[in-house]
Amino acid sequence: MRKVAVNSTPLIVLCGIGQLELLKGLYGEIYIPRAVYREVTAKKDSACVQIKNAAGWIHVVEIMDSSEKKMYKAKLHDGEVEVMILAQEQKADLVILDDNAAKKTAKYLGLTVTGTLGVLLKAKREGLIQEVKPLLSEMKRKGFYVSNMVERLVLDQAHE
C-alpha cells in the first residue's frame, strides 16, 4: 500500500460531499499530522464526526521535527506545513493538498502531489465512482472554488 499524507481541505471537501471513503478505497489508509486533525475536528460538524469515526484507517501522526515548521510559515498554514514535514519524515508516496502555494512548495521539496480533483479523477479511473461532474458541482455548491478552466480540464480528463 502507498503511504499517503493528506491536508485538511481535501478531508473537509470529501466529507462535505459524502466521499471521504474514496480515500480508503484508493489508498487503504492515510496519514494526517496532528495540526490537520486539530483543524478538521475543531468544529463539531460532519467532517469532524466522519474523521473521528474513520480512526481505523486514518492515522494521526505527530511530526518528529517541529523546528522545520518555521521555514515554511510565511506563506503556508500550520496543517500544510506539517503535512509536508510528515510526508518527508514518513517517506510518503503521495501528498494530497489543494492550496496552490502548498502544492508548489511540496513539489519543490520533491514530493508527489495531487489534490481533491485528482482524487476524484483517480476514483473514476478505478471504478469507485461513475461520474466526476456531479461531485464537482456539489463541491462548488458547498464553496470549493474551481475556475472554469480547471473544471473543463478535469471534466475533459474524466471524459465527461
Protein backbone atom coordinates (compact mmCIF):
# COMPACT_ATOMS: atom_id res chain seq x y z
CA MET A 1 0.00 0.00 0.00
CA ARG A 2 1.14 3.51 -0.77
CA LYS A 3 1.87 5.90 2.09
CA VAL A 4 -0.33 8.98 1.66
CA ALA A 5 -0.31 12.23 3.69
CA VAL A 6 -3.44 14.40 3.46
CA ASN A 7 -4.14 18.03 4.35
CA SER A 8 -7.35 19.35 5.89
CA THR A 9 -9.07 20.88 2.83
CA PRO A 10 -9.30 17.60 0.88
CA LEU A 11 -10.64 15.88 4.01
CA ILE A 12 -13.24 18.59 4.65
CA VAL A 13 -14.31 18.77 1.00
CA LEU A 14 -14.62 14.99 0.61
CA CYS A 15 -16.56 14.77 3.89
CA GLY A 16 -18.81 17.58 2.69
CA ILE A 17 -19.84 15.66 -0.41
CA GLY A 18 -20.08 12.30 1.37
CA GLN A 19 -16.99 10.85 -0.32
CA LEU A 20 -14.37 10.52 2.44
CA GLU A 21 -14.38 6.76 1.89
CA LEU A 22 -12.82 7.32 -1.56
CA LEU A 23 -9.50 7.83 0.22
CA LYS A 24 -9.87 4.46 1.93
CA GLY A 25 -10.87 2.82 -1.34
CA LEU A 26 -7.94 4.30 -3.24
CA TYR A 27 -5.17 4.14 -0.64
CA GLY A 28 -6.30 1.78 2.14
CA GLU A 29 -5.09 4.13 4.83
CA ILE A 30 -3.92 7.72 5.09
CA TYR A 31 -1.74 9.74 7.45
CA ILE A 32 -2.52 13.18 8.79
CA PRO A 33 -0.40 15.31 11.08
CA ARG A 34 -1.77 16.46 14.44
CA ALA A 35 -2.30 20.06 13.13
CA VAL A 36 -4.62 18.75 10.40
CA TYR A 37 -6.54 16.61 12.89
CA ARG A 38 -6.98 19.64 15.18
CA GLU A 39 -8.19 21.78 12.26
CA VAL A 40 -10.66 19.21 10.93
CA THR A 41 -12.09 18.36 14.35
CA ALA A 42 -12.21 21.95 15.68
CA LYS A 43 -15.84 22.37 14.59
CA LYS A 44 -18.36 19.76 15.67
CA ASP A 45 -19.61 19.22 12.12
CA SER A 46 -19.97 16.36 9.68
CA ALA A 47 -16.27 16.36 8.77
CA CYS A 48 -15.32 16.15 12.45
CA VAL A 49 -17.63 13.18 13.04
CA GLN A 50 -16.53 11.35 9.88
CA ILE A 51 -12.81 11.80 10.63
CA LYS A 52 -13.24 10.60 14.22
CA ASN A 53 -15.22 7.56 13.00
CA ALA A 54 -12.50 6.66 10.48
CA ALA A 55 -9.90 6.03 13.17
CA GLY A 56 -9.11 2.56 11.83
CA TRP A 57 -7.70 3.83 8.54
CA ILE A 58 -6.86 7.49 9.20
CA HIS A 59 -3.69 7.65 11.28
CA VAL A 60 -2.90 10.84 13.20
CA VAL A 61 0.86 11.26 13.49
CA GLU A 62 3.00 13.71 15.44
CA ILE A 63 5.75 15.19 13.32
CA MET A 64 9.18 14.47 14.78
CA ASP A 65 10.96 17.72 13.95
CA SER A 66 8.79 20.77 14.55
CA SER A 67 11.81 23.07 14.16
CA GLU A 68 11.35 22.67 10.40
CA LYS A 69 8.00 24.46 10.63
CA LYS A 70 9.49 27.93 10.88
CA MET A 71 10.98 27.63 7.37
CA TYR A 72 7.54 27.40 5.77
CA LYS A 73 5.36 29.61 7.95
CA ALA A 74 5.44 32.76 5.82
CA LYS A 75 3.05 31.52 3.11
CA LEU A 76 1.53 28.34 4.44
CA HIS A 77 -0.88 27.25 7.18
CA ASP A 78 0.16 25.03 10.05
CA GLY A 79 -1.56 21.94 8.60
CA GLU A 80 0.05 22.36 5.18
CA VAL A 81 3.48 22.72 6.76
CA GLU A 82 3.01 19.68 8.95
CA VAL A 83 1.71 17.60 6.02
CA MET A 84 4.92 18.31 4.10
CA ILE A 85 7.15 17.59 7.08
CA LEU A 86 5.19 14.41 7.81
CA ALA A 87 5.47 13.34 4.16
CA GLN A 88 9.23 13.79 4.29
CA GLU A 89 9.61 12.04 7.66
CA GLN A 90 7.38 9.12 6.64
CA LYS A 91 8.78 8.96 3.10
CA ALA A 92 5.24 9.29 1.77
CA ASP A 93 4.49 8.27 -1.79
CA LEU A 94 1.83 10.96 -2.22
CA VAL A 95 0.67 14.21 -0.63
CA ILE A 96 -2.90 15.44 -1.12
CA LEU A 97 -3.12 19.25 -0.92
CA ASP A 98 -5.36 21.83 -2.58
CA ASP A 99 -3.66 25.16 -1.90
CA ASN A 100 -1.53 26.24 -4.89
CA ALA A 101 1.32 27.69 -2.80
CA ALA A 102 1.42 24.50 -0.75
CA LYS A 103 1.43 22.34 -3.88
CA LYS A 104 4.32 24.33 -5.37
CA THR A 105 6.28 24.06 -2.13
CA ALA A 106 5.64 20.31 -1.90
CA LYS A 107 6.75 19.79 -5.49
CA TYR A 108 9.86 21.88 -4.84
CA LEU A 109 10.62 19.52 -1.92
CA GLY A 110 10.40 16.58 -4.33
CA LEU A 111 7.07 15.28 -3.09
CA THR A 112 4.48 13.75 -5.40
CA VAL A 113 1.34 15.86 -5.14
CA THR A 114 -2.32 15.68 -6.09
CA GLY A 115 -5.43 17.50 -4.94
CA THR A 116 -9.06 16.71 -4.30
CA LEU A 117 -9.86 16.88 -8.02
CA GLY A 118 -7.03 14.44 -8.73
CA VAL A 119 -8.53 12.08 -6.16
CA LEU A 120 -11.90 12.24 -7.95
CA LEU A 121 -10.26 11.53 -11.32
CA LYS A 122 -8.37 8.55 -9.89
CA ALA A 123 -11.56 7.27 -8.23
CA LYS A 124 -13.34 7.37 -11.59
CA ARG A 125 -10.45 5.61 -13.38
CA GLU A 126 -10.51 2.88 -10.73
CA GLY A 127 -14.30 2.49 -10.90
CA LEU A 128 -15.08 3.78 -7.41
CA ILE A 129 -17.34 6.50 -8.82
CA GLN A 130 -19.26 6.64 -12.09
CA GLU A 131 -19.00 10.39 -12.74
CA VAL A 132 -16.89 13.31 -11.58
CA LYS A 133 -19.23 16.08 -12.73
CA PRO A 134 -21.96 15.73 -10.07
CA LEU A 135 -19.37 15.58 -7.28
CA LEU A 136 -17.53 18.59 -8.70
CA SER A 137 -20.81 20.50 -8.90
CA GLU A 138 -21.60 19.62 -5.29
CA MET A 139 -18.10 20.74 -4.19
CA LYS A 140 -18.59 24.07 -5.91
CA ARG A 141 -22.07 24.45 -4.44
CA LYS A 142 -20.55 23.98 -0.97
CA GLY A 143 -17.92 26.67 -1.55
CA PHE A 144 -14.90 24.87 -3.03
CA TYR A 145 -13.55 27.22 -5.69
CA VAL A 146 -12.74 25.74 -9.10
CA SER A 147 -12.05 28.03 -12.05
CA ASN A 148 -13.94 27.38 -15.28
CA MET A 149 -10.67 26.45 -16.98
CA VAL A 150 -9.75 23.87 -14.32
CA GLU A 151 -13.29 22.50 -14.29
CA ARG A 152 -13.21 21.99 -18.06
CA LEU A 153 -9.75 20.37 -17.85
CA VAL A 154 -10.90 17.95 -15.12
CA LEU A 155 -14.09 17.05 -16.98
CA ASP A 156 -12.11 16.53 -20.19
CA GLN A 157 -9.77 14.17 -18.34
CA ALA A 158 -12.81 12.37 -16.94
CA HIS A 159 -14.26 12.13 -20.48
CA GLU A 160 -17.42 13.91 -19.32
